[in-house]
Amino acid sequence: MQFMTNAGDQALIIPIEAGVFIVFLVCRCWRMAAAWAAMVVAGSGLMLMLKLYFEACGPARHRVLYSPSGHTMAATMVYGGLLSLTRLNRAALLVVTLAIALLMGWTRVALGYHTVMEVVVGGALGLAVVACFSQWTQGWQKNFRPVLSILCVVAVVGISMRGWHPNIESAIQSASRLYFSQWECKRPPLQE
């Protein structure tokens, strides 16, 4: 189960995102490169803003939504985005991308990293950015052929990054509490 959940780890996701972008540039697929970059920046940026907002005050006593699942969002976005390049019809793309979100979400909940609501938020965000990317690039994909190159990038990154785990989550938590807690947290009145 840890192997499956690591498929959404930033140590793997960020190099795949960069590698796919580079393949688009090398192949002179400028529009696809721009669309891929926009998808990655939008999805990752929205997730970062959600995490900064929800993590500002620390976990609540009855934790329901404290830290939306970045692993679930990232895996859904990247692998769903890659699947959209294979020209699956929309229904099949939706079903397979939803299956990725469900599988990644299940591993995050089963391992105790997130609540069900946190993975639902992450999966929904991932599905939304994949749907936008797929819709936006639908006409351009007819000219796009280097799917094999992208699969090679994914394989090389997967093999080379295995076992490395950056601690991005703790950096987000620290920044959130340092910069946003003063505005977002309601502190109880002082007891006299």
Protein backbone atom coordinates (compact mmCIF):
# COMPACT_ATOMS: atom_id res chain seq x y z
CA MET A 1 0.00 0.00 0.00
CA GLN A 2 2.91 2.36 0.74
CA PHE A 3 4.19 1.75 -2.81
CA MET A 4 0.84 2.88 -4.26
CA THR A 5 0.61 5.99 -2.11
CA ASN A 6 4.18 6.95 -3.05
CA ALA A 7 3.02 7.28 -6.67
CA GLY A 8 1.57 10.65 -5.59
CA ASP A 9 4.65 11.81 -3.70
CA GLN A 10 6.21 15.11 -4.82
CA ALA A 11 9.57 13.36 -5.23
CA LEU A 12 8.03 11.50 -8.16
CA ILE A 13 5.36 13.94 -9.34
CA ILE A 14 7.52 17.06 -9.76
CA PRO A 15 10.18 15.36 -11.95
CA ILE A 16 7.43 13.76 -14.07
CA GLU A 17 5.75 17.15 -14.51
CA ALA A 18 9.07 18.71 -15.54
CA GLY A 19 10.01 15.79 -17.80
CA VAL A 20 6.71 15.87 -19.67
CA PHE A 21 7.03 19.64 -20.10
CA ILE A 22 10.54 19.20 -21.53
CA VAL A 23 9.32 16.51 -23.95
CA PHE A 24 6.66 18.93 -25.21
CA LEU A 25 9.31 21.62 -25.69
CA VAL A 26 11.77 19.29 -27.45
CA CYS A 27 9.00 18.14 -29.78
CA ARG A 28 8.08 21.78 -30.45
CA CYS A 29 4.56 21.24 -29.17
CA TRP A 30 4.36 24.77 -27.79
CA ARG A 31 0.62 24.76 -27.11
CA MET A 32 0.75 21.42 -25.35
CA ALA A 33 3.70 22.63 -23.25
CA ALA A 34 1.77 25.77 -22.29
CA ALA A 35 -1.37 23.77 -21.48
CA TRP A 36 0.60 21.24 -19.41
CA ALA A 37 2.35 24.03 -17.50
CA ALA A 38 -0.97 25.81 -16.91
CA MET A 39 -2.55 22.60 -15.59
CA VAL A 40 0.36 21.92 -13.24
CA VAL A 41 0.57 25.49 -11.96
CA ALA A 42 -3.21 25.79 -11.51
CA GLY A 43 -3.64 22.45 -9.75
CA SER A 44 -0.56 22.76 -7.56
CA GLY A 45 -1.22 26.44 -6.82
CA LEU A 46 -4.81 25.82 -5.77
CA MET A 47 -3.75 22.90 -3.57
CA LEU A 48 -1.03 25.02 -1.96
CA MET A 49 -3.54 27.80 -1.21
CA LEU A 50 -5.98 25.30 0.31
CA LYS A 51 -3.27 23.76 2.47
CA LEU A 52 -2.02 27.16 3.64
CA TYR A 53 -5.55 28.19 4.55
CA PHE A 54 -6.65 25.02 6.34
CA GLU A 55 -3.37 24.32 8.13
CA ALA A 56 -2.94 27.83 9.57
CA CYS A 57 -4.51 27.01 12.94
CA GLY A 58 -3.28 23.44 13.28
CA PRO A 59 -5.51 20.38 13.49
CA ALA A 60 -8.90 20.86 15.13
CA ARG A 61 -10.06 18.59 17.90
CA HIS A 62 -12.57 16.94 15.57
CA ARG A 63 -10.51 16.82 12.42
CA VAL A 64 -12.58 16.61 9.25
CA LEU A 65 -10.74 18.91 6.85
CA TYR A 66 -7.32 19.98 8.07
CA SER A 67 -4.96 19.27 5.17
CA PRO A 68 -6.45 18.50 1.72
CA SER A 69 -4.63 15.56 0.15
CA GLY A 70 -1.89 16.79 -2.15
CA HIS A 71 -0.93 13.20 -3.01
CA THR A 72 -4.46 12.49 -4.23
CA MET A 73 -4.65 15.72 -6.23
CA ALA A 74 -1.18 15.34 -7.75
CA ALA A 75 -1.59 11.70 -8.75
CA THR A 76 -5.02 12.36 -10.22
CA MET A 77 -3.80 15.43 -12.10
CA VAL A 78 -0.55 14.03 -13.49
CA TYR A 79 -1.62 10.50 -14.34
CA GLY A 80 -5.03 11.66 -15.56
CA GLY A 81 -3.31 14.33 -17.65
CA LEU A 82 -0.99 11.71 -19.13
CA LEU A 83 -3.96 9.46 -19.88
CA SER A 84 -5.67 12.30 -21.72
CA LEU A 85 -2.74 12.23 -24.17
CA THR A 86 -3.64 8.67 -25.19
CA ARG A 87 -6.85 9.90 -26.81
CA LEU A 88 -9.18 7.92 -24.61
CA ASN A 89 -12.76 8.98 -25.15
CA ARG A 90 -14.09 11.34 -22.49
CA ALA A 91 -16.13 8.73 -20.64
CA ALA A 92 -13.19 6.32 -20.40
CA LEU A 93 -10.84 9.13 -19.35
CA LEU A 94 -13.27 10.18 -16.61
CA VAL A 95 -13.69 6.61 -15.32
CA VAL A 96 -9.95 5.83 -15.27
CA THR A 97 -9.02 9.20 -13.74
CA LEU A 98 -11.71 8.76 -11.11
CA ALA A 99 -10.30 5.28 -10.38
CA ILE A 100 -6.85 6.84 -9.87
CA ALA A 101 -8.33 9.39 -7.44
CA LEU A 102 -10.23 6.70 -5.55
CA LEU A 103 -7.23 4.37 -5.32
CA MET A 104 -4.87 7.13 -4.18
CA GLY A 105 -7.46 8.48 -1.75
CA TRP A 106 -8.08 5.02 -0.32
CA THR A 107 -4.35 4.51 0.34
CA ARG A 108 -4.07 7.90 2.06
CA VAL A 109 -7.03 7.18 4.35
CA ALA A 110 -6.02 3.56 5.01
CA LEU A 111 -2.51 4.63 6.01
CA GLY A 112 -3.94 7.28 8.35
CA TYR A 113 -2.49 10.31 6.55
CA HIS A 114 -5.84 11.93 5.66
CA THR A 115 -9.54 11.87 6.36
CA VAL A 116 -12.13 10.95 3.74
CA MET A 117 -13.06 14.63 3.27
CA GLU A 118 -9.41 15.58 2.70
CA VAL A 119 -8.99 13.03 -0.09
CA VAL A 120 -12.34 13.99 -1.63
CA VAL A 121 -11.15 17.60 -1.87
CA GLY A 122 -7.82 16.50 -3.38
CA GLY A 123 -9.44 14.11 -5.84
CA ALA A 124 -12.07 16.64 -6.92
CA LEU A 125 -9.41 19.27 -7.60
CA GLY A 126 -7.34 16.75 -9.58
CA LEU A 127 -10.36 15.70 -11.64
CA ALA A 128 -11.27 19.32 -12.35
CA VAL A 129 -7.84 20.28 -13.69
CA VAL A 130 -7.63 17.11 -15.82
CA ALA A 131 -11.06 17.86 -17.30
CA CYS A 132 -9.95 21.42 -18.15
CA PHE A 133 -6.64 20.20 -19.62
CA SER A 134 -8.36 17.53 -21.70
CA GLN A 135 -10.98 19.95 -23.00
CA TRP A 136 -8.41 22.66 -23.74
CA THR A 137 -6.00 20.39 -25.65
CA GLN A 138 -8.50 18.19 -27.45
CA GLY A 139 -7.92 19.75 -30.89
CA TRP A 140 -4.14 20.02 -30.52
CA GLN A 141 -3.57 16.39 -29.65
CA LYS A 142 -4.06 15.30 -33.27
CA ASN A 143 -0.60 16.71 -34.03
CA PHE A 144 0.98 15.24 -30.90
CA ARG A 145 2.84 11.94 -31.33
CA PRO A 146 5.60 11.51 -28.70
CA VAL A 147 3.54 9.51 -26.20
CA LEU A 148 6.32 6.88 -26.09
CA SER A 149 8.85 9.58 -25.12
CA ILE A 150 6.63 10.67 -22.25
CA LEU A 151 6.22 7.08 -21.06
CA CYS A 152 10.02 6.72 -21.06
CA VAL A 153 10.33 9.90 -18.96
CA VAL A 154 7.80 8.52 -16.47
CA ALA A 155 9.64 5.18 -16.25
CA VAL A 156 13.09 6.77 -15.80
CA VAL A 157 11.82 9.18 -13.16
CA GLY A 158 9.98 6.41 -11.35
CA ILE A 159 13.07 4.23 -11.19
CA SER A 160 15.53 7.00 -10.29
CA MET A 161 13.42 8.71 -7.61
CA ARG A 162 12.35 5.57 -5.78
CA GLY A 163 12.91 5.90 -2.05
CA TRP A 164 13.48 9.66 -1.89
CA HIS A 165 10.80 11.67 -0.05
CA PRO A 166 11.11 15.44 0.37
CA ASN A 167 9.42 16.91 3.41
CA ILE A 168 7.32 19.51 1.59
CA GLU A 169 4.30 19.04 3.88
CA SER A 170 6.12 20.23 7.00
CA ALA A 171 7.42 23.29 5.13
CA ILE A 172 3.84 24.16 4.12
CA GLN A 173 2.61 23.68 7.70
CA SER A 174 5.37 25.89 9.11
CA ALA A 175 4.77 28.65 6.55
CA SER A 176 1.02 28.49 7.08
CA ARG A 177 1.25 28.79 10.85
CA LEU A 178 3.90 31.49 10.67
CA TYR A 179 2.26 33.73 8.08
CA PHE A 180 -1.48 33.01 8.17
CA SER A 181 -2.43 31.96 11.70
CA GLN A 182 -2.59 35.55 12.94
CA TRP A 183 -5.41 36.31 10.47
CA GLU A 184 -7.28 33.03 10.36
CA CYS A 185 -7.22 31.59 13.88
CA LYS A 186 -9.74 32.63 16.46
CA ARG A 187 -8.03 32.48 19.79
CA PRO A 188 -10.04 31.97 22.96
CA PRO A 189 -10.17 34.99 25.28
CA LEU A 190 -7.59 35.10 28.02
CA GLN A 191 -8.72 33.65 31.33
CA GLU A 192 -8.27 35.93 34.30
